[in-house]
């Protein structure tokens, strides 16, 4: 399952429904301190369900930055 790609502009999401980046591949990377599936920190994951849309869009921006720092194999899993 390939990881969801972050939009180049978080405003591409409809303002009332920012989708969760969760890909049901939950494993925390001890070194980087975020999930290897969705690239969110534990704090971001815990806050997601009650967060407003601006926060969720900001998390997607952070995910985009994190994605640039990791390598993925042909199946979309982090190397």
PDB file of N, CA and C in Angstrom:
ATOM      1  N   UNK A   1       0.843  -1.171   0.000  1.00  0.00           N
ATOM      2  CA  UNK A   1       0.000   0.000   0.000  1.00  0.00           C
ATOM      3  C   UNK A   1       0.892   1.240   0.000  1.00  0.00           C
ATOM      4  N   UNK A   2       0.753   2.082  -0.942  1.00  0.00           N
ATOM      5  CA  UNK A   2       1.565   3.289  -1.036  1.00  0.00           C
ATOM      6  C   UNK A   2       1.063   4.330  -0.054  1.00  0.00           C
ATOM      7  N   UNK A   3       1.984   5.076   0.504  1.00  0.00           N
ATOM      8  CA  UNK A   3       1.627   6.138   1.442  1.00  0.00           C
ATOM      9  C   UNK A   3       0.923   7.257   0.691  1.00  0.00           C
ATOM     10  N   UNK A   4       0.006   7.910   1.376  1.00  0.00           N
ATOM     11  CA  UNK A   4      -0.738   9.021   0.781  1.00  0.00           C
ATOM     12  C   UNK A   4       0.220  10.186   0.551  1.00  0.00           C
ATOM     13  N   UNK A   5       0.143  10.818  -0.571  1.00  0.00           N
ATOM     14  CA  UNK A   5       1.046  11.931  -0.830  1.00  0.00           C
ATOM     15  C   UNK A   5       0.427  13.237  -0.368  1.00  0.00           C
ATOM     16  N   UNK A   6       1.269  14.067   0.173  1.00  0.00           N
ATOM     17  CA  UNK A   6       0.809  15.360   0.671  1.00  0.00           C
ATOM     18  C   UNK A   6       0.563  16.299  -0.494  1.00  0.00           C
ATOM     19  N   UNK A   7      -0.480  17.104  -0.418  1.00  0.00           N
ATOM     20  CA  UNK A   7      -0.729  18.060  -1.491  1.00  0.00           C
ATOM     21  C   UNK A   7       0.337  19.138  -1.488  1.00  0.00           C
ATOM     22  N   UNK A   8       0.614  19.702  -2.626  1.00  0.00           N
ATOM     23  CA  UNK A   8       1.576  20.796  -2.673  1.00  0.00           C
ATOM     24  C   UNK A   8       0.986  22.044  -2.034  1.00  0.00           C
ATOM     25  N   UNK A   9      -0.322  22.159  -2.083  1.00  0.00           N
ATOM     26  CA  UNK A   9      -1.019  23.272  -1.451  1.00  0.00           C
ATOM     27  C   UNK A   9      -2.108  22.673  -0.567  1.00  0.00           C
ATOM     28  N   UNK A  10      -1.990  22.788   0.771  1.00  0.00           N
ATOM     29  CA  UNK A  10      -2.986  22.161   1.641  1.00  0.00           C
ATOM     30  C   UNK A  10      -4.384  22.724   1.434  1.00  0.00           C
ATOM     31  N   UNK A  11      -4.518  23.846   0.790  1.00  0.00           N
ATOM     32  CA  UNK A  11      -5.835  24.405   0.530  1.00  0.00           C
ATOM     33  C   UNK A  11      -6.539  23.675  -0.603  1.00  0.00           C
ATOM     34  N   UNK A  12      -5.867  22.670  -1.209  1.00  0.00           N
ATOM     35  CA  UNK A  12      -6.500  21.853  -2.236  1.00  0.00           C
ATOM     36  C   UNK A  12      -7.615  21.000  -1.646  1.00  0.00           C
ATOM     37  N   UNK A  13      -7.583  20.777  -0.334  1.00  0.00           N
ATOM     38  CA  UNK A  13      -8.644  20.015   0.309  1.00  0.00           C
ATOM     39  C   UNK A  13      -9.874  20.896   0.435  1.00  0.00           C
ATOM     40  N   UNK A  14     -11.055  20.312   0.288  1.00  0.00           N
ATOM     41  CA  UNK A  14     -12.264  21.098   0.580  1.00  0.00           C
ATOM     42  C   UNK A  14     -12.158  21.597   2.020  1.00  0.00           C
ATOM     43  N   UNK A  15     -12.542  22.820   2.252  1.00  0.00           N
ATOM     44  CA  UNK A  15     -12.321  23.439   3.559  1.00  0.00           C
ATOM     45  C   UNK A  15     -13.030  22.718   4.696  1.00  0.00           C
ATOM     46  N   UNK A  16     -14.049  21.922   4.400  1.00  0.00           N
ATOM     47  CA  UNK A  16     -14.758  21.270   5.484  1.00  0.00           C
ATOM     48  C   UNK A  16     -14.356  19.815   5.705  1.00  0.00           C
ATOM     49  N   UNK A  17     -13.411  19.272   4.911  1.00  0.00           N
ATOM     50  CA  UNK A  17     -13.060  17.859   5.043  1.00  0.00           C
ATOM     51  C   UNK A  17     -11.599  17.594   4.699  1.00  0.00           C
ATOM     52  N   UNK A  18     -10.709  17.828   5.603  1.00  0.00           N
ATOM     53  CA  UNK A  18      -9.310  17.471   5.378  1.00  0.00           C
ATOM     54  C   UNK A  18      -9.175  15.994   5.729  1.00  0.00           C
ATOM     55  N   UNK A  19      -8.770  15.143   4.778  1.00  0.00           N
ATOM     56  CA  UNK A  19      -8.710  13.699   5.048  1.00  0.00           C
ATOM     57  C   UNK A  19      -7.564  13.334   5.989  1.00  0.00           C
ATOM     58  N   UNK A  20      -7.771  12.271   6.696  1.00  0.00           N
ATOM     59  CA  UNK A  20      -6.714  11.755   7.564  1.00  0.00           C
ATOM     60  C   UNK A  20      -5.611  11.163   6.701  1.00  0.00           C
ATOM     61  N   UNK A  21      -4.366  11.368   7.082  1.00  0.00           N
ATOM     62  CA  UNK A  21      -3.259  10.764   6.343  1.00  0.00           C
ATOM     63  C   UNK A  21      -3.007   9.305   6.735  1.00  0.00           C
ATOM     64  N   UNK A  22      -3.777   8.772   7.671  1.00  0.00           N
ATOM     65  CA  UNK A  22      -3.578   7.404   8.150  1.00  0.00           C
ATOM     66  C   UNK A  22      -3.713   6.414   6.994  1.00  0.00           C
ATOM     67  N   UNK A  23      -2.759   5.480   6.919  1.00  0.00           N
ATOM     68  CA  UNK A  23      -2.799   4.427   5.906  1.00  0.00           C
ATOM     69  C   UNK A  23      -2.856   3.050   6.571  1.00  0.00           C
ATOM     70  N   UNK A  24      -3.232   3.023   7.849  1.00  0.00           N
ATOM     71  CA  UNK A  24      -3.361   1.782   8.626  1.00  0.00           C
ATOM     72  C   UNK A  24      -2.080   0.959   8.624  1.00  0.00           C
ATOM     73  N   UNK A  25      -0.967   1.633   8.686  1.00  0.00           N
ATOM     74  CA  UNK A  25       0.348   1.009   8.761  1.00  0.00           C
ATOM     75  C   UNK A  25       1.078   1.686   9.916  1.00  0.00           C
ATOM     76  N   UNK A  26       0.632   1.405  11.121  1.00  0.00           N
ATOM     77  CA  UNK A  26       1.067   2.140  12.304  1.00  0.00           C
ATOM     78  C   UNK A  26       2.319   1.542  12.927  1.00  0.00           C
ATOM     79  N   UNK A  27       3.403   2.301  12.868  1.00  0.00           N
ATOM     80  CA  UNK A  27       4.655   1.901  13.493  1.00  0.00           C
ATOM     81  C   UNK A  27       5.463   3.171  13.730  1.00  0.00           C
ATOM     82  N   UNK A  28       5.768   3.423  14.975  1.00  0.00           N
ATOM     83  CA  UNK A  28       6.516   4.638  15.296  1.00  0.00           C
ATOM     84  C   UNK A  28       8.001   4.416  15.052  1.00  0.00           C
ATOM     85  N   UNK A  29       8.626   5.375  14.395  1.00  0.00           N
ATOM     86  CA  UNK A  29      10.064   5.364  14.144  1.00  0.00           C
ATOM     87  C   UNK A  29      10.720   6.049  15.336  1.00  0.00           C
ATOM     88  N   UNK A  30      11.466   5.296  16.131  1.00  0.00           N
ATOM     89  CA  UNK A  30      12.068   5.832  17.353  1.00  0.00           C
ATOM     90  C   UNK A  30      13.047   6.968  17.075  1.00  0.00           C
ATOM     91  N   UNK A  31      13.777   6.871  15.973  1.00  0.00           N
ATOM     92  CA  UNK A  31      14.767   7.901  15.641  1.00  0.00           C
ATOM     93  C   UNK A  31      14.108   9.200  15.190  1.00  0.00           C
ATOM     94  N   UNK A  32      13.145   9.095  14.289  1.00  0.00           N
ATOM     95  CA  UNK A  32      12.522  10.297  13.724  1.00  0.00           C
ATOM     96  C   UNK A  32      11.327  10.792  14.533  1.00  0.00           C
ATOM     97  N   UNK A  33      10.783   9.950  15.396  1.00  0.00           N
ATOM     98  CA  UNK A  33       9.666  10.313  16.270  1.00  0.00           C
ATOM     99  C   UNK A  33       8.355  10.543  15.527  1.00  0.00           C
ATOM    100  N   UNK A  34       8.126   9.800  14.439  1.00  0.00           N
ATOM    101  CA  UNK A  34       6.830   9.839  13.783  1.00  0.00           C
ATOM    102  C   UNK A  34       6.505   8.473  13.194  1.00  0.00           C
ATOM    103  N   UNK A  35       5.254   8.298  12.823  1.00  0.00           N
ATOM    104  CA  UNK A  35       4.769   7.034  12.285  1.00  0.00           C
ATOM    105  C   UNK A  35       5.364   6.801  10.897  1.00  0.00           C
ATOM    106  N   UNK A  36       5.826   5.586  10.655  1.00  0.00           N
ATOM    107  CA  UNK A  36       6.406   5.285   9.347  1.00  0.00           C
ATOM    108  C   UNK A  36       5.336   5.141   8.273  1.00  0.00           C
ATOM    109  N   UNK A  37       4.076   4.989   8.660  1.00  0.00           N
ATOM    110  CA  UNK A  37       2.992   4.891   7.685  1.00  0.00           C
ATOM    111  C   UNK A  37       2.497   6.251   7.222  1.00  0.00           C
ATOM    112  N   UNK A  38       2.104   7.095   8.171  1.00  0.00           N
ATOM    113  CA  UNK A  38       1.492   8.381   7.802  1.00  0.00           C
ATOM    114  C   UNK A  38       2.413   9.581   8.003  1.00  0.00           C
ATOM    115  N   UNK A  39       3.554   9.368   8.618  1.00  0.00           N
ATOM    116  CA  UNK A  39       4.557  10.416   8.867  1.00  0.00           C
ATOM    117  C   UNK A  39       4.083  11.484   9.849  1.00  0.00           C
ATOM    118  N   UNK A  40       3.121  11.138  10.710  1.00  0.00           N
ATOM    119  CA  UNK A  40       2.694  12.074  11.754  1.00  0.00           C
ATOM    120  C   UNK A  40       3.368  11.731  13.071  1.00  0.00           C
ATOM    121  N   UNK A  41       3.572  12.755  13.899  1.00  0.00           N
ATOM    122  CA  UNK A  41       4.088  12.532  15.248  1.00  0.00           C
ATOM    123  C   UNK A  41       2.967  11.954  16.099  1.00  0.00           C
ATOM    124  N   UNK A  42       3.318  11.394  17.237  1.00  0.00           N
ATOM    125  CA  UNK A  42       2.315  10.852  18.147  1.00  0.00           C
ATOM    126  C   UNK A  42       1.346  11.945  18.590  1.00  0.00           C
ATOM    127  N   UNK A  43       1.859  13.137  18.878  1.00  0.00           N
ATOM    128  CA  UNK A  43       0.993  14.254  19.265  1.00  0.00           C
ATOM    129  C   UNK A  43       0.006  14.604  18.155  1.00  0.00           C
ATOM    130  N   UNK A  44       0.464  14.613  16.909  1.00  0.00           N
ATOM    131  CA  UNK A  44      -0.418  14.919  15.781  1.00  0.00           C
ATOM    132  C   UNK A  44      -1.500  13.847  15.621  1.00  0.00           C
ATOM    133  N   UNK A  45      -1.116  12.591  15.807  1.00  0.00           N
ATOM    134  CA  UNK A  45      -2.082  11.499  15.703  1.00  0.00           C
ATOM    135  C   UNK A  45      -3.144  11.624  16.790  1.00  0.00           C
ATOM    136  N   UNK A  46      -2.717  11.870  18.019  1.00  0.00           N
ATOM    137  CA  UNK A  46      -3.660  11.971  19.131  1.00  0.00           C
ATOM    138  C   UNK A  46      -4.590  13.173  18.988  1.00  0.00           C
ATOM    139  N   UNK A  47      -4.108  14.271  18.434  1.00  0.00           N
ATOM    140  CA  UNK A  47      -4.915  15.481  18.317  1.00  0.00           C
ATOM    141  C   UNK A  47      -5.861  15.457  17.119  1.00  0.00           C
ATOM    142  N   UNK A  48      -5.619  14.587  16.147  1.00  0.00           N
ATOM    143  CA  UNK A  48      -6.331  14.628  14.872  1.00  0.00           C
ATOM    144  C   UNK A  48      -7.851  14.630  15.011  1.00  0.00           C
ATOM    145  N   UNK A  49      -8.411  13.766  15.810  1.00  0.00           N
ATOM    146  CA  UNK A  49      -9.869  13.593  15.854  1.00  0.00           C
ATOM    147  C   UNK A  49     -10.608  14.822  16.380  1.00  0.00           C
ATOM    148  N   UNK A  50      -9.937  15.644  17.153  1.00  0.00           N
ATOM    149  CA  UNK A  50     -10.597  16.845  17.687  1.00  0.00           C
ATOM    150  C   UNK A  50     -10.034  18.139  17.094  1.00  0.00           C
ATOM    151  N   UNK A  51      -9.084  18.018  16.187  1.00  0.00           N
ATOM    152  CA  UNK A  51      -8.424  19.200  15.619  1.00  0.00           C
ATOM    153  C   UNK A  51      -9.317  19.913  14.605  1.00  0.00           C
ATOM    154  N   UNK A  52      -9.094  21.223  14.470  1.00  0.00           N
ATOM    155  CA  UNK A  52      -9.819  21.964  13.441  1.00  0.00           C
ATOM    156  C   UNK A  52      -9.127  21.782  12.089  1.00  0.00           C
ATOM    157  N   UNK A  53      -9.782  22.246  11.045  1.00  0.00           N
ATOM    158  CA  UNK A  53      -9.273  22.030   9.687  1.00  0.00           C
ATOM    159  C   UNK A  53      -7.942  22.731   9.435  1.00  0.00           C
ATOM    160  N   UNK A  54      -7.730  23.885  10.043  1.00  0.00           N
ATOM    161  CA  UNK A  54      -6.452  24.599   9.874  1.00  0.00           C
ATOM    162  C   UNK A  54      -5.300  23.774  10.437  1.00  0.00           C
ATOM    163  N   UNK A  55      -5.520  23.158  11.594  1.00  0.00           N
ATOM    164  CA  UNK A  55      -4.491  22.305  12.189  1.00  0.00           C
ATOM    165  C   UNK A  55      -4.199  21.122  11.269  1.00  0.00           C
ATOM    166  N   UNK A  56      -5.255  20.486  10.763  1.00  0.00           N
ATOM    167  CA  UNK A  56      -5.079  19.327   9.891  1.00  0.00           C
ATOM    168  C   UNK A  56      -4.320  19.698   8.619  1.00  0.00           C
ATOM    169  N   UNK A  57      -4.618  20.853   8.060  1.00  0.00           N
ATOM    170  CA  UNK A  57      -3.884  21.297   6.870  1.00  0.00           C
ATOM    171  C   UNK A  57      -2.417  21.533   7.202  1.00  0.00           C
ATOM    172  N   UNK A  58      -2.146  22.087   8.381  1.00  0.00           N
ATOM    173  CA  UNK A  58      -0.764  22.320   8.799  1.00  0.00           C
ATOM    174  C   UNK A  58      -0.018  20.999   8.979  1.00  0.00           C
ATOM    175  N   UNK A  59      -0.699  19.989   9.477  1.00  0.00           N
ATOM    176  CA  UNK A  59      -0.080  18.666   9.625  1.00  0.00           C
ATOM    177  C   UNK A  59       0.281  18.108   8.250  1.00  0.00           C
ATOM    178  N   UNK A  60      -0.610  18.273   7.268  1.00  0.00           N
ATOM    179  CA  UNK A  60      -0.307  17.809   5.906  1.00  0.00           C
ATOM    180  C   UNK A  60       0.933  18.515   5.342  1.00  0.00           C
ATOM    181  N   UNK A  61       1.099  19.786   5.638  1.00  0.00           N
ATOM    182  CA  UNK A  61       2.290  20.517   5.196  1.00  0.00           C
ATOM    183  C   UNK A  61       3.530  19.902   5.852  1.00  0.00           C
ATOM    184  N   UNK A  62       3.447  19.613   7.157  1.00  0.00           N
ATOM    185  CA  UNK A  62       4.576  18.998   7.868  1.00  0.00           C
ATOM    186  C   UNK A  62       4.889  17.617   7.291  1.00  0.00           C
ATOM    187  N   UNK A  63       3.853  16.866   6.946  1.00  0.00           N
ATOM    188  CA  UNK A  63       4.054  15.548   6.336  1.00  0.00           C
ATOM    189  C   UNK A  63       4.817  15.686   5.018  1.00  0.00           C
ATOM    190  N   UNK A  64       4.475  16.676   4.233  1.00  0.00           N
ATOM    191  CA  UNK A  64       5.181  16.916   2.975  1.00  0.00           C
ATOM    192  C   UNK A  64       6.660  17.172   3.193  1.00  0.00           C
ATOM    193  N   UNK A  65       6.978  17.933   4.231  1.00  0.00           N
ATOM    194  CA  UNK A  65       8.392  18.208   4.548  1.00  0.00           C
ATOM    195  C   UNK A  65       9.092  16.935   5.005  1.00  0.00           C
ATOM    196  N   UNK A  66       8.411  16.161   5.834  1.00  0.00           N
ATOM    197  CA  UNK A  66       9.017  14.913   6.330  1.00  0.00           C
ATOM    198  C   UNK A  66       9.232  13.923   5.191  1.00  0.00           C
ATOM    199  N   UNK A  67       8.295  13.853   4.265  1.00  0.00           N
ATOM    200  CA  UNK A  67       8.388  12.925   3.144  1.00  0.00           C
ATOM    201  C   UNK A  67       9.676  13.164   2.344  1.00  0.00           C
ATOM    202  N   UNK A  68      10.113  14.405   2.274  1.00  0.00           N
ATOM    203  CA  UNK A  68      11.332  14.741   1.536  1.00  0.00           C
ATOM    204  C   UNK A  68      12.581  14.207   2.215  1.00  0.00           C
ATOM    205  N   UNK A  69      12.483  13.799   3.477  1.00  0.00           N
ATOM    206  CA  UNK A  69      13.658  13.351   4.233  1.00  0.00           C
ATOM    207  C   UNK A  69      13.771  11.838   4.332  1.00  0.00           C
ATOM    208  N   UNK A  70      12.811  11.092   3.746  1.00  0.00           N
ATOM    209  CA  UNK A  70      12.845   9.636   3.830  1.00  0.00           C
ATOM    210  C   UNK A  70      12.826   9.015   2.442  1.00  0.00           C
ATOM    211  N   UNK A  71      13.284   7.775   2.364  1.00  0.00           N
ATOM    212  CA  UNK A  71      13.274   7.025   1.106  1.00  0.00           C
ATOM    213  C   UNK A  71      12.210   5.932   1.195  1.00  0.00           C
ATOM    214  N   UNK A  72      11.581   5.649   0.066  1.00  0.00           N
ATOM    215  CA  UNK A  72      10.552   4.627   0.001  1.00  0.00           C
ATOM    216  C   UNK A  72      10.947   3.586  -1.029  1.00  0.00           C
ATOM    217  N   UNK A  73      10.533   2.322  -0.749  1.00  0.00           N
ATOM    218  CA  UNK A  73      10.784   1.272  -1.735  1.00  0.00           C
ATOM    219  C   UNK A  73       9.679   1.290  -2.789  1.00  0.00           C
ATOM    220  N   UNK A  74       9.713   0.337  -3.721  1.00  0.00           N
ATOM    221  CA  UNK A  74       8.753   0.334  -4.837  1.00  0.00           C
ATOM    222  C   UNK A  74       7.309   0.101  -4.370  1.00  0.00           C
ATOM    223  N   UNK A  75       7.117  -0.428  -3.159  1.00  0.00           N
ATOM    224  CA  UNK A  75       5.774  -0.645  -2.634  1.00  0.00           C
ATOM    225  C   UNK A  75       5.277   0.517  -1.778  1.00  0.00           C
ATOM    226  N   UNK A  76       6.087   1.559  -1.653  1.00  0.00           N
ATOM    227  CA  UNK A  76       5.679   2.734  -0.886  1.00  0.00           C
ATOM    228  C   UNK A  76       6.030   2.646   0.592  1.00  0.00           C
ATOM    229  N   UNK A  77       6.822   1.646   0.984  1.00  0.00           N
ATOM    230  CA  UNK A  77       7.224   1.524   2.378  1.00  0.00           C
ATOM    231  C   UNK A  77       8.563   2.211   2.590  1.00  0.00           C
ATOM    232  N   UNK A  78       8.747   2.775   3.791  1.00  0.00           N
ATOM    233  CA  UNK A  78      10.023   3.432   4.085  1.00  0.00           C
ATOM    234  C   UNK A  78      11.144   2.411   4.108  1.00  0.00           C
ATOM    235  N   UNK A  79      12.294   2.838   3.587  1.00  0.00           N
ATOM    236  CA  UNK A  79      13.491   1.976   3.607  1.00  0.00           C
ATOM    237  C   UNK A  79      14.195   2.156   4.923  1.00  0.00           C
TER     238      UNK A  79
END
